[in-house]
PDB file of N, CA and C in Angstrom:
ATOM      1  N   MET A   1      16.190   8.152   6.131  1.00  0.00           N
ATOM      2  CA  MET A   1      15.270   6.553   5.791  1.00  0.00           C
ATOM      3  C   MET A   1      15.710   6.696   4.228  1.00  0.00           C
ATOM      4  N   THR A   2      16.554   5.765   3.473  1.00  0.00           N
ATOM      5  CA  THR A   2      16.859   5.858   2.008  1.00  0.00           C
ATOM      6  C   THR A   2      15.553   5.449   1.203  1.00  0.00           C
ATOM      7  N   THR A   3      15.173   5.717  -0.355  1.00  0.00           N
ATOM      8  CA  THR A   3      14.322   5.661  -1.033  1.00  0.00           C
ATOM      9  C   THR A   3      14.313   4.141  -1.027  1.00  0.00           C
ATOM     10  N   PHE A   4      15.171   3.332  -1.022  1.00  0.00           N
ATOM     11  CA  PHE A   4      15.413   2.162  -0.785  1.00  0.00           C
ATOM     12  C   PHE A   4      14.974   1.111   0.794  1.00  0.00           C
ATOM     13  N   ASP A   5      14.997   1.949   1.504  1.00  0.00           N
ATOM     14  CA  ASP A   5      14.834   1.143   2.871  1.00  0.00           C
ATOM     15  C   ASP A   5      12.880   1.514   2.780  1.00  0.00           C
ATOM     16  N   ARG A   6      12.870   2.504   2.223  1.00  0.00           N
ATOM     17  CA  ARG A   6      11.592   3.478   2.467  1.00  0.00           C
ATOM     18  C   ARG A   6      10.473   1.568   1.717  1.00  0.00           C
ATOM     19  N   ILE A   7      10.637   1.096   0.470  1.00  0.00           N
ATOM     20  CA  ILE A   7      10.116   0.231  -0.283  1.00  0.00           C
ATOM     21  C   ILE A   7      10.298  -0.766   0.639  1.00  0.00           C
ATOM     22  N   LYS A   8      11.607  -1.292   1.241  1.00  0.00           N
ATOM     23  CA  LYS A   8      11.867  -2.717   2.074  1.00  0.00           C
ATOM     24  C   LYS A   8      10.784  -2.556   2.609  1.00  0.00           C
ATOM     25  N   GLU A   9      10.666  -1.604   3.841  1.00  0.00           N
ATOM     26  CA  GLU A   9       9.891  -1.871   4.756  1.00  0.00           C
ATOM     27  C   GLU A   9       8.197  -1.582   4.661  1.00  0.00           C
ATOM     28  N   LEU A  10       7.903  -1.191   3.187  1.00  0.00           N
ATOM     29  CA  LEU A  10       6.912  -1.255   2.836  1.00  0.00           C
ATOM     30  C   LEU A  10       6.440  -2.957   2.386  1.00  0.00           C
ATOM     31  N   ALA A  11       7.503  -3.570   2.098  1.00  0.00           N
ATOM     32  CA  ALA A  11       7.148  -5.339   1.171  1.00  0.00           C
ATOM     33  C   ALA A  11       7.427  -6.224   2.544  1.00  0.00           C
ATOM     34  N   ASP A  12       8.432  -5.489   3.812  1.00  0.00           N
ATOM     35  CA  ASP A  12       8.637  -6.561   4.654  1.00  0.00           C
ATOM     36  C   ASP A  12       7.327  -6.542   5.332  1.00  0.00           C
ATOM     37  N   ARG A  13       6.310  -5.137   5.651  1.00  0.00           N
ATOM     38  CA  ARG A  13       5.100  -4.994   6.444  1.00  0.00           C
ATOM     39  C   ARG A  13       3.434  -5.626   5.788  1.00  0.00           C
ATOM     40  N   GLN A  14       4.085  -5.418   4.379  1.00  0.00           N
ATOM     41  CA  GLN A  14       3.312  -7.039   3.735  1.00  0.00           C
ATOM     42  C   GLN A  14       3.141  -8.329   3.049  1.00  0.00           C
ATOM     43  N   GLY A  15       4.531  -8.154   4.547  1.00  0.00           N
ATOM     44  CA  GLY A  15       4.616 -10.035   4.435  1.00  0.00           C
ATOM     45  C   GLY A  15       5.895 -10.292   2.942  1.00  0.00           C
ATOM     46  N   LYS A  16       6.157  -9.736   1.809  1.00  0.00           N
ATOM     47  CA  LYS A  16       6.753  -9.928   0.580  1.00  0.00           C
ATOM     48  C   LYS A  16       8.122  -9.012   0.921  1.00  0.00           C
ATOM     49  N   SER A  17       9.021 -10.225  -0.544  1.00  0.00           N
ATOM     50  CA  SER A  17      10.208 -10.035  -0.656  1.00  0.00           C
ATOM     51  C   SER A  17      10.675  -8.633  -1.274  1.00  0.00           C
ATOM     52  N   LEU A  18      11.817  -8.254  -1.591  1.00  0.00           N
ATOM     53  CA  LEU A  18      11.291  -7.108  -2.548  1.00  0.00           C
ATOM     54  C   LEU A  18      11.749  -7.827  -4.197  1.00  0.00           C
ATOM     55  N   GLN A  19      12.312  -9.501  -4.259  1.00  0.00           N
ATOM     56  CA  GLN A  19      12.430  -9.974  -5.187  1.00  0.00           C
ATOM     57  C   GLN A  19      10.585 -10.066  -6.271  1.00  0.00           C
ATOM     58  N   LYS A  20       9.929 -10.012  -4.891  1.00  0.00           N
ATOM     59  CA  LYS A  20       8.235 -10.816  -5.766  1.00  0.00           C
ATOM     60  C   LYS A  20       7.721  -9.414  -5.717  1.00  0.00           C
ATOM     61  N   VAL A  21       7.828  -8.167  -4.818  1.00  0.00           N
ATOM     62  CA  VAL A  21       7.253  -6.878  -5.555  1.00  0.00           C
ATOM     63  C   VAL A  21       8.336  -6.515  -7.307  1.00  0.00           C
ATOM     64  N   ALA A  22       9.348  -6.669  -6.564  1.00  0.00           N
ATOM     65  CA  ALA A  22       9.788  -6.438  -8.406  1.00  0.00           C
ATOM     66  C   ALA A  22       9.217  -7.485  -9.460  1.00  0.00           C
ATOM     67  N   SER A  23       8.826  -7.950  -9.408  1.00  0.00           N
ATOM     68  CA  SER A  23       8.196  -9.567  -9.899  1.00  0.00           C
ATOM     69  C   SER A  23       6.947  -8.692 -10.333  1.00  0.00           C
ATOM     70  N   ASP A  24       6.298  -8.783  -9.628  1.00  0.00           N
ATOM     71  CA  ASP A  24       4.617  -8.097  -9.239  1.00  0.00           C
ATOM     72  C   ASP A  24       4.628  -7.041 -10.290  1.00  0.00           C
ATOM     73  N   LEU A  25       5.961  -6.119 -10.424  1.00  0.00           N
ATOM     74  CA  LEU A  25       5.718  -5.478 -11.033  1.00  0.00           C
ATOM     75  C   LEU A  25       6.350  -5.074 -12.452  1.00  0.00           C
ATOM     76  N   GLY A  26       7.140  -6.415 -12.884  1.00  0.00           N
ATOM     77  CA  GLY A  26       7.534  -6.522 -13.830  1.00  0.00           C
ATOM     78  C   GLY A  26       8.758  -5.670 -14.100  1.00  0.00           C
ATOM     79  N   PHE A  27       9.781  -5.395 -13.373  1.00  0.00           N
ATOM     80  CA  PHE A  27      10.888  -4.682 -12.838  1.00  0.00           C
ATOM     81  C   PHE A  27      11.812  -5.637 -12.780  1.00  0.00           C
ATOM     82  N   SER A  28      13.026  -6.062 -12.996  1.00  0.00           N
ATOM     83  CA  SER A  28      14.412  -6.994 -12.692  1.00  0.00           C
ATOM     84  C   SER A  28      14.419  -7.620 -11.876  1.00  0.00           C
ATOM     85  N   PRO A  29      14.891  -8.666 -11.140  1.00  0.00           N
ATOM     86  CA  PRO A  29      14.787  -9.011  -9.663  1.00  0.00           C
ATOM     87  C   PRO A  29      15.202  -8.211  -9.031  1.00  0.00           C
ATOM     88  N   ASN A  30      16.575  -7.938  -9.231  1.00  0.00           N
ATOM     89  CA  ASN A  30      17.396  -7.288  -8.421  1.00  0.00           C
ATOM     90  C   ASN A  30      16.890  -5.477  -8.503  1.00  0.00           C
ATOM     91  N   TYR A  31      16.025  -5.155  -9.271  1.00  0.00           N
ATOM     92  CA  TYR A  31      15.330  -3.701  -9.725  1.00  0.00           C
ATOM     93  C   TYR A  31      16.239  -3.030  -8.116  1.00  0.00           C
ATOM     94  N   PHE A  32      15.298  -3.300  -7.354  1.00  0.00           N
ATOM     95  CA  PHE A  32      15.369  -2.390  -5.643  1.00  0.00           C
ATOM     96  C   PHE A  32      16.519  -3.248  -5.018  1.00  0.00           C
ATOM     97  N   TYR A  33      17.610  -4.087  -4.853  1.00  0.00           N
ATOM     98  CA  TYR A  33      18.831  -3.685  -4.494  1.00  0.00           C
ATOM     99  C   TYR A  33      20.191  -2.865  -5.377  1.00  0.00           C
ATOM    100  N   ASN A  34      19.224  -2.598  -6.404  1.00  0.00           N
ATOM    101  CA  ASN A  34      20.497  -1.895  -7.812  1.00  0.00           C
ATOM    102  C   ASN A  34      20.125  -0.085  -7.177  1.00  0.00           C
ATOM    103  N   LEU A  35      19.026   0.012  -5.942  1.00  0.00           N
ATOM    104  CA  LEU A  35      18.479   1.365  -5.426  1.00  0.00           C
ATOM    105  C   LEU A  35      19.639   1.587  -4.221  1.00  0.00           C
ATOM    106  N   LYS A  36      19.873   0.506  -3.792  1.00  0.00           N
ATOM    107  CA  LYS A  36      20.536   0.213  -2.245  1.00  0.00           C
ATOM    108  C   LYS A  36      21.465   0.928  -2.410  1.00  0.00           C
ATOM    109  N   SER A  37      22.336   0.583  -3.826  1.00  0.00           N
ATOM    110  CA  SER A  37      23.946   1.223  -3.910  1.00  0.00           C
ATOM    111  C   SER A  37      23.852   3.102  -4.773  1.00  0.00           C
ATOM    112  N   LYS A  38      22.105   3.196  -4.320  1.00  0.00           N
ATOM    113  CA  LYS A  38      22.817   4.589  -5.050  1.00  0.00           C
ATOM    114  C   LYS A  38      22.370   4.859  -6.457  1.00  0.00           C
ATOM    115  N   LYS A  39      21.853   3.886  -7.559  1.00  0.00           N
ATOM    116  CA  LYS A  39      21.259   4.160  -8.426  1.00  0.00           C
ATOM    117  C   LYS A  39      19.821   5.035  -8.451  1.00  0.00           C
ATOM    118  N   SER A  40      19.563   5.696  -9.101  1.00  0.00           N
ATOM    119  CA  SER A  40      18.229   7.083  -8.648  1.00  0.00           C
ATOM    120  C   SER A  40      17.462   5.864  -9.431  1.00  0.00           C
ATOM    121  N   PRO A  41      16.262   5.912  -8.913  1.00  0.00           N
ATOM    122  CA  PRO A  41      14.477   5.263 -10.085  1.00  0.00           C
ATOM    123  C   PRO A  41      14.161   6.561 -11.041  1.00  0.00           C
ATOM    124  N   SER A  42      13.789   5.349 -11.556  1.00  0.00           N
ATOM    125  CA  SER A  42      12.881   6.531 -12.478  1.00  0.00           C
ATOM    126  C   SER A  42      11.836   7.178 -12.479  1.00  0.00           C
ATOM    127  N   ALA A  43      10.934   8.031 -12.405  1.00  0.00           N
ATOM    128  CA  ALA A  43       9.722   7.988 -12.518  1.00  0.00           C
ATOM    129  C   ALA A  43       8.815   7.591 -12.183  1.00  0.00           C
ATOM    130  N   GLU A  44       8.873   6.791 -13.353  1.00  0.00           N
ATOM    131  CA  GLU A  44       7.516   5.875 -13.501  1.00  0.00           C
ATOM    132  C   GLU A  44       7.597   4.859 -13.003  1.00  0.00           C
ATOM    133  N   HIS A  45       9.045   4.550 -12.373  1.00  0.00           N
ATOM    134  CA  HIS A  45       9.163   3.336 -11.243  1.00  0.00           C
ATOM    135  C   HIS A  45       8.502   3.506 -10.045  1.00  0.00           C
ATOM    136  N   LEU A  46       9.114   4.608  -9.776  1.00  0.00           N
ATOM    137  CA  LEU A  46       8.317   5.244  -8.188  1.00  0.00           C
ATOM    138  C   LEU A  46       6.957   5.554  -8.521  1.00  0.00           C
ATOM    139  N   ALA A  47       6.192   5.875  -9.498  1.00  0.00           N
ATOM    140  CA  ALA A  47       4.674   5.898  -9.515  1.00  0.00           C
ATOM    141  C   ALA A  47       4.578   4.257  -9.231  1.00  0.00           C
ATOM    142  N   LYS A  48       4.814   3.998  -9.917  1.00  0.00           N
ATOM    143  CA  LYS A  48       4.388   1.937 -10.278  1.00  0.00           C
ATOM    144  C   LYS A  48       4.936   1.837  -9.156  1.00  0.00           C
ATOM    145  N   VAL A  49       5.869   1.705  -8.256  1.00  0.00           N
ATOM    146  CA  VAL A  49       6.038   1.448  -6.762  1.00  0.00           C
ATOM    147  C   VAL A  49       4.986   1.462  -6.140  1.00  0.00           C
ATOM    148  N   ALA A  50       4.467   2.951  -5.543  1.00  0.00           N
ATOM    149  CA  ALA A  50       4.052   3.829  -4.896  1.00  0.00           C
ATOM    150  C   ALA A  50       2.277   3.473  -5.314  1.00  0.00           C
ATOM    151  N   ASP A  51       2.056   3.185  -6.169  1.00  0.00           N
ATOM    152  CA  ASP A  51       0.407   2.698  -6.426  1.00  0.00           C
ATOM    153  C   ASP A  51       0.176   1.390  -5.822  1.00  0.00           C
ATOM    154  N   TYR A  52       1.730   0.576  -6.306  1.00  0.00           N
ATOM    155  CA  TYR A  52       1.309  -0.886  -5.330  1.00  0.00           C
ATOM    156  C   TYR A  52       1.617  -0.839  -4.183  1.00  0.00           C
ATOM    157  N   PHE A  53       2.014   0.239  -3.767  1.00  0.00           N
ATOM    158  CA  PHE A  53       2.150   0.175  -2.061  1.00  0.00           C
ATOM    159  C   PHE A  53       0.841   1.271  -1.204  1.00  0.00           C
ATOM    160  N   HIS A  54      -0.005   1.329  -2.342  1.00  0.00           N
ATOM    161  CA  HIS A  54      -0.824   2.920  -2.030  1.00  0.00           C
ATOM    162  C   HIS A  54       0.062   4.080  -0.837  1.00  0.00           C
ATOM    163  N   VAL A  55       0.944   4.305  -1.373  1.00  0.00           N
ATOM    164  CA  VAL A  55       1.469   4.834  -0.945  1.00  0.00           C
ATOM    165  C   VAL A  55       2.186   6.648  -1.298  1.00  0.00           C
ATOM    166  N   SER A  56       2.114   7.734  -1.315  1.00  0.00           N
ATOM    167  CA  SER A  56       2.495   8.763  -2.090  1.00  0.00           C
ATOM    168  C   SER A  56       3.942   8.712  -2.689  1.00  0.00           C
ATOM    169  N   VAL A  57       4.471   9.136  -4.283  1.00  0.00           N
ATOM    170  CA  VAL A  57       5.565   9.080  -4.553  1.00  0.00           C
ATOM    171  C   VAL A  57       6.480  10.087  -3.482  1.00  0.00           C
ATOM    172  N   ASP A  58       5.915  10.998  -3.070  1.00  0.00           N
ATOM    173  CA  ASP A  58       6.765  11.906  -2.050  1.00  0.00           C
ATOM    174  C   ASP A  58       7.221  11.087  -0.308  1.00  0.00           C
ATOM    175  N   TYR A  59       5.899   9.640  -0.384  1.00  0.00           N
ATOM    176  CA  TYR A  59       7.339   9.579   0.996  1.00  0.00           C
ATOM    177  C   TYR A  59       7.535   8.407   0.549  1.00  0.00           C
ATOM    178  N   LEU A  60       7.889   7.602  -0.863  1.00  0.00           N
ATOM    179  CA  LEU A  60       9.139   6.876  -1.432  1.00  0.00           C
ATOM    180  C   LEU A  60      10.513   7.453  -1.150  1.00  0.00           C
ATOM    181  N   LEU A  61       9.673   9.099  -1.823  1.00  0.00           N
ATOM    182  CA  LEU A  61      11.483  10.157  -1.809  1.00  0.00           C
ATOM    183  C   LEU A  61      11.996  10.345  -0.468  1.00  0.00           C
ATOM    184  N   GLY A  62      11.319  10.315   0.570  1.00  0.00           N
ATOM    185  CA  GLY A  62      11.269  10.701   1.824  1.00  0.00           C
ATOM    186  C   GLY A  62      10.753  12.407   2.109  1.00  0.00           C
ATOM    187  N   ARG A  63      10.035  12.898   1.338  1.00  0.00           N
ATOM    188  CA  ARG A  63       9.834  13.970   1.328  1.00  0.00           C
ATOM    189  C   ARG A  63       8.295  14.341   2.246  1.00  0.00           C
ATOM    190  N   LYS A  64       7.391  12.928   2.350  1.00  0.00           N
ATOM    191  CA  LYS A  64       6.464  13.033   3.462  1.00  0.00           C
ATOM    192  C   LYS A  64       6.510  11.792   4.750  1.00  0.00           C
ATOM    193  N   GLU A  65       6.118  11.878   5.746  1.00  0.00           N
ATOM    194  CA  GLU A  65       6.999  10.765   6.441  1.00  0.00           C
ATOM    195  C   GLU A  65       5.535  10.265   6.747  1.00  0.00           C
ATOM    196  N   ASN A  66       4.818  10.668   6.356  1.00  0.00           N
ATOM    197  CA  ASN A  66       3.462   9.439   6.539  1.00  0.00           C
ATOM    198  C   ASN A  66       2.962   8.471   5.489  1.00  0.00           C
ATOM    199  N   ALA A  67       2.176   7.639   5.684  1.00  0.00           N
ATOM    200  CA  ALA A  67       3.055   6.698   4.364  1.00  0.00           C
ATOM    201  C   ALA A  67       1.272   5.969   4.631  1.00  0.00           C
ATOM    202  N   GLY A  68       0.627   7.259   4.860  1.00  0.00           N
ATOM    203  CA  GLY A  68      -0.804   6.740   4.770  1.00  0.00           C
ATOM    204  C   GLY A  68      -1.900   6.411   3.245  1.00  0.00           C
ATOM    205  N   ASN A  69      -2.444   6.352   3.078  1.00  0.00           N
ATOM    206  CA  ASN A  69      -3.104   6.664   1.628  1.00  0.00           C
ATOM    207  C   ASN A  69      -3.190   7.678   0.936  1.00  0.00           C
ATOM    208  N   LYS A  70      -3.153   8.118  -0.801  1.00  0.00           N
ATOM    209  CA  LYS A  70      -3.188   9.424  -1.677  1.00  0.00           C
ATOM    210  C   LYS A  70      -3.876   9.624  -0.692  1.00  0.00           C
ATOM    211  N   GLU A  71      -5.342   9.144  -0.646  1.00  0.00           N
ATOM    212  CA  GLU A  71      -7.004  10.467  -1.419  1.00  0.00           C
ATOM    213  C   GLU A  71      -7.274   9.253   0.418  1.00  0.00           C
ATOM    214  N   PRO A  72      -8.452   9.973   0.416  1.00  0.00           N
ATOM    215  CA  PRO A  72      -9.544  10.356   1.887  1.00  0.00           C
ATOM    216  C   PRO A  72     -10.007   8.970   1.348  1.00  0.00           C
ATOM    217  N   VAL A  73     -10.446   8.341   2.576  1.00  0.00           N
ATOM    218  CA  VAL A  73     -11.653   6.600   1.846  1.00  0.00           C
ATOM    219  C   VAL A  73     -12.931   7.404   2.665  1.00  0.00           C
ATOM    220  N   ASP A  74     -13.995   7.398   2.056  1.00  0.00           N
ATOM    221  CA  ASP A  74     -15.774   7.957   2.678  1.00  0.00           C
ATOM    222  C   ASP A  74     -15.736   6.782   2.719  1.00  0.00           C
ATOM    223  N   LEU A  75     -16.546   6.633   4.823  1.00  0.00           N
ATOM    224  CA  LEU A  75     -16.362   5.580   5.467  1.00  0.00           C
ATOM    225  C   LEU A  75     -17.812   5.198   4.783  1.00  0.00           C
ATOM    226  N   ALA A  76     -18.505   5.765   4.255  1.00  0.00           N
ATOM    227  CA  ALA A  76     -20.270   5.005   3.671  1.00  0.00           C
ATOM    228  C   ALA A  76     -19.523   4.820   2.187  1.00  0.00           C
ATOM    229  N   ASP A  77     -18.820   4.497   1.691  1.00  0.00           N
ATOM    230  CA  ASP A  77     -18.499   3.816   0.013  1.00  0.00           C
ATOM    231  C   ASP A  77     -17.893   1.838   1.518  1.00  0.00           C
ATOM    232  N   LEU A  78     -16.998   1.993   2.727  1.00  0.00           N
ATOM    233  CA  LEU A  78     -16.551   0.885   2.885  1.00  0.00           C
ATOM    234  C   LEU A  78     -17.806   0.392   3.350  1.00  0.00           C
ATOM    235  N   VAL A  79     -19.157   0.575   3.792  1.00  0.00           N
ATOM    236  CA  VAL A  79     -20.514  -0.793   3.862  1.00  0.00           C
ATOM    237  C   VAL A  79     -20.486  -0.323   2.456  1.00  0.00           C
ATOM    238  N   ASP A  80     -20.823   0.214   1.349  1.00  0.00           N
ATOM    239  CA  ASP A  80     -21.369   0.142  -0.280  1.00  0.00           C
ATOM    240  C   ASP A  80     -19.726  -1.396  -0.918  1.00  0.00           C
ATOM    241  N   GLU A  81     -20.007  -2.760  -1.434  1.00  0.00           N
ATOM    242  CA  GLU A  81     -19.213  -4.045  -1.809  1.00  0.00           C
ATOM    243  C   GLU A  81     -18.823  -2.864  -3.204  1.00  0.00           C
ATOM    244  N   GLY A  82     -19.687  -2.300  -3.982  1.00  0.00           N
ATOM    245  CA  GLY A  82     -19.443  -2.184  -5.293  1.00  0.00           C
ATOM    246  C   GLY A  82     -18.257  -1.505  -4.662  1.00  0.00           C
ATOM    247  N   LYS A  83     -17.503  -0.174  -4.511  1.00  0.00           N
ATOM    248  CA  LYS A  83     -17.115   1.213  -3.891  1.00  0.00           C
ATOM    249  C   LYS A  83     -15.553   0.782  -3.267  1.00  0.00           C
ATOM    250  N   VAL A  84     -15.406  -0.783  -2.409  1.00  0.00           N
ATOM    251  CA  VAL A  84     -13.853  -0.212  -1.951  1.00  0.00           C
ATOM    252  C   VAL A  84     -14.231  -2.202  -2.772  1.00  0.00           C
ATOM    253  N   ASP A  85     -12.482  -1.756  -2.938  1.00  0.00           N
ATOM    254  CA  ASP A  85     -11.638  -3.474  -4.009  1.00  0.00           C
ATOM    255  C   ASP A  85     -11.476  -3.444  -1.855  1.00  0.00           C
ATOM    256  N   TRP A  86     -12.554  -4.612  -0.720  1.00  0.00           N
ATOM    257  CA  TRP A  86     -11.582  -5.024   0.466  1.00  0.00           C
ATOM    258  C   TRP A  86     -10.691  -5.564   0.551  1.00  0.00           C
ATOM    259  N   ASP A  87     -10.533  -5.999  -0.740  1.00  0.00           N
ATOM    260  CA  ASP A  87      -8.910  -7.420  -0.178  1.00  0.00           C
ATOM    261  C   ASP A  87      -7.427  -6.418  -1.063  1.00  0.00           C
ATOM    262  N   GLU A  88      -8.057  -5.099  -1.274  1.00  0.00           N
ATOM    263  CA  GLU A  88      -6.966  -4.479  -2.374  1.00  0.00           C
ATOM    264  C   GLU A  88      -6.566  -3.212  -0.835  1.00  0.00           C
ATOM    265  N   TRP A  89      -7.809  -2.646  -1.161  1.00  0.00           N
ATOM    266  CA  TRP A  89      -7.997  -1.252  -0.140  1.00  0.00           C
ATOM    267  C   TRP A  89      -7.851  -1.492   1.378  1.00  0.00           C
ATOM    268  N   VAL A  90      -7.964  -2.227   2.490  1.00  0.00           N
ATOM    269  CA  VAL A  90      -8.172  -2.647   3.616  1.00  0.00           C
ATOM    270  C   VAL A  90      -7.126  -3.355   4.800  1.00  0.00           C
ATOM    271  N   SER A  91      -6.699  -3.145   5.124  1.00  0.00           N
ATOM    272  CA  SER A  91      -5.636  -4.212   5.910  1.00  0.00           C
ATOM    273  C   SER A  91      -5.563  -3.140   6.864  1.00  0.00           C
ATOM    274  N   PHE A  92      -4.821  -4.162   8.122  1.00  0.00           N
ATOM    275  CA  PHE A  92      -4.705  -3.779   9.296  1.00  0.00           C
ATOM    276  C   PHE A  92      -3.553  -4.289   9.747  1.00  0.00           C
ATOM    277  N   ASP A  93      -2.290  -3.340   9.832  1.00  0.00           N
ATOM    278  CA  ASP A  93      -0.918  -3.545   9.381  1.00  0.00           C
ATOM    279  C   ASP A  93      -0.272  -4.138   8.462  1.00  0.00           C
ATOM    280  N   GLY A  94      -0.598  -3.915   8.106  1.00  0.00           N
ATOM    281  CA  GLY A  94      -0.447  -3.803   6.201  1.00  0.00           C
ATOM    282  C   GLY A  94      -0.198  -6.014   6.257  1.00  0.00           C
ATOM    283  N   LYS A  95      -1.546  -6.846   7.054  1.00  0.00           N
ATOM    284  CA  LYS A  95      -1.840  -7.544   6.609  1.00  0.00           C
ATOM    285  C   LYS A  95      -3.106  -7.894   6.154  1.00  0.00           C
ATOM    286  N   PRO A  96      -4.223  -8.683   4.776  1.00  0.00           N
ATOM    287  CA  PRO A  96      -5.551  -8.633   5.366  1.00  0.00           C
ATOM    288  C   PRO A  96      -6.275  -8.995   6.136  1.00  0.00           C
ATOM    289  N   LEU A  97      -7.465  -8.486   6.060  1.00  0.00           N
ATOM    290  CA  LEU A  97      -8.570  -8.951   6.931  1.00  0.00           C
ATOM    291  C   LEU A  97      -9.188 -10.010   6.923  1.00  0.00           C
ATOM    292  N   THR A  98      -9.624 -10.500   7.691  1.00  0.00           N
ATOM    293  CA  THR A  98     -10.232 -12.039   7.916  1.00  0.00           C
ATOM    294  C   THR A  98     -11.454 -11.904   7.110  1.00  0.00           C
ATOM    295  N   ASP A  99     -12.674 -12.429   6.567  1.00  0.00           N
ATOM    296  CA  ASP A  99     -14.264 -12.760   6.274  1.00  0.00           C
ATOM    297  C   ASP A  99     -14.713 -11.851   7.746  1.00  0.00           C
ATOM    298  N   GLU A 100     -14.612 -12.003   8.679  1.00  0.00           N
ATOM    299  CA  GLU A 100     -15.288 -12.236   9.543  1.00  0.00           C
ATOM    300  C   GLU A 100     -14.975 -10.905  10.527  1.00  0.00           C
ATOM    301  N   VAL A 101     -14.249 -10.525  10.194  1.00  0.00           N
ATOM    302  CA  VAL A 101     -13.646  -8.798  10.821  1.00  0.00           C
ATOM    303  C   VAL A 101     -13.837  -7.720  10.206  1.00  0.00           C
ATOM    304  N   LYS A 102     -14.162  -7.980   8.424  1.00  0.00           N
ATOM    305  CA  LYS A 102     -14.017  -7.140   7.057  1.00  0.00           C
ATOM    306  C   LYS A 102     -16.239  -7.169   7.306  1.00  0.00           C
ATOM    307  N   SER A 103     -16.533  -8.680   7.862  1.00  0.00           N
ATOM    308  CA  SER A 103     -18.402  -7.570   7.963  1.00  0.00           C
ATOM    309  C   SER A 103     -18.193  -7.026   8.958  1.00  0.00           C
ATOM    310  N   ALA A 104     -18.239  -7.759  10.349  1.00  0.00           N
ATOM    311  CA  ALA A 104     -18.283  -6.795  11.432  1.00  0.00           C
ATOM    312  C   ALA A 104     -17.513  -5.228  11.087  1.00  0.00           C
ATOM    313  N   ILE A 105     -17.047  -4.751  10.461  1.00  0.00           N
ATOM    314  CA  ILE A 105     -16.291  -3.818  10.300  1.00  0.00           C
ATOM    315  C   ILE A 105     -17.480  -3.138   9.810  1.00  0.00           C
ATOM    316  N   LYS A 106     -18.044  -3.676   8.330  1.00  0.00           N
ATOM    317  CA  LYS A 106     -19.363  -3.240   8.004  1.00  0.00           C
ATOM    318  C   LYS A 106     -20.338  -3.108   8.791  1.00  0.00           C
ATOM    319  N   LEU A 107     -21.251  -4.000   9.387  1.00  0.00           N
ATOM    320  CA  LEU A 107     -21.599  -4.122  10.218  1.00  0.00           C
ATOM    321  C   LEU A 107     -21.855  -2.948  10.954  1.00  0.00           C
ATOM    322  N   ILE A 108     -20.313  -2.417  11.782  1.00  0.00           N
ATOM    323  CA  ILE A 108     -20.380  -1.466  12.615  1.00  0.00           C
ATOM    324  C   ILE A 108     -20.261   0.047  12.387  1.00  0.00           C
ATOM    325  N   LEU A 109     -19.883   0.636  11.218  1.00  0.00           N
ATOM    326  CA  LEU A 109     -20.091   1.256  10.099  1.00  0.00           C
ATOM    327  C   LEU A 109     -21.756   1.687   9.563  1.00  0.00           C
ATOM    328  N   GLY A 110     -22.441   0.429   8.602  1.00  0.00           N
ATOM    329  CA  GLY A 110     -23.457   0.588   8.962  1.00  0.00           C
ATOM    330  C   GLY A 110     -24.337   1.283   9.976  1.00  0.00           C
ATOM    331  N   LYS A 111     -24.162   0.565  11.081  1.00  0.00           N
ATOM    332  CA  LYS A 111     -25.350   1.274  12.184  1.00  0.00           C
ATOM    333  C   LYS A 111     -24.543   2.973  12.311  1.00  0.00           C
ATOM    334  N   ARG A 112     -23.753   3.173  11.801  1.00  0.00           N
ATOM    335  CA  ARG A 112     -23.099   4.099  12.866  1.00  0.00           C
ATOM    336  C   ARG A 112     -23.601   4.997  11.859  1.00  0.00           C
ATOM    337  N   LEU A 113     -23.377   4.877  10.730  1.00  0.00           N
ATOM    338  CA  LEU A 113     -23.962   5.967   9.487  1.00  0.00           C
ATOM    339  C   LEU A 113     -25.300   5.959   9.377  1.00  0.00           C
ATOM    340  N   GLU A 114     -25.986   4.934  10.361  1.00  0.00           N
ATOM    341  CA  GLU A 114     -27.447   5.455  10.257  1.00  0.00           C
ATOM    342  C   GLU A 114     -27.795   5.979  10.937  1.00  0.00           C
ATOM    343  N   ASP A 115     -27.436   6.924  12.465  1.00  0.00           N
ATOM    344  CA  ASP A 115     -27.936   7.016  13.162  1.00  0.00           C
ATOM    345  C   ASP A 115     -27.741   8.689  13.048  1.00  0.00           C
TER     346      ASP A 115
END
């Protein structure tokens, strides 16, 4: 899988077009399609894309197969509203959680952490 393919897959999971992602990052509208034609991305652009999708640069380059978080998340932090931006960091299958689901998760985690 190429860098372009990985970025496209990440965008698709979030229901975003490559043009939307490029716009969000301040890149030209066809930036990602230029990657498809084998243009090499700069380290700076790769870092911005990795941060945008919360993956590592190694994942984008194909050096790491798992697109998981770059940093571990402490479950206790998930219960504390001030420590985790639920809208940015917590999702299911690339889609944002509803307020009801967020509340249920916080309730379950909070009770488990008290035991």
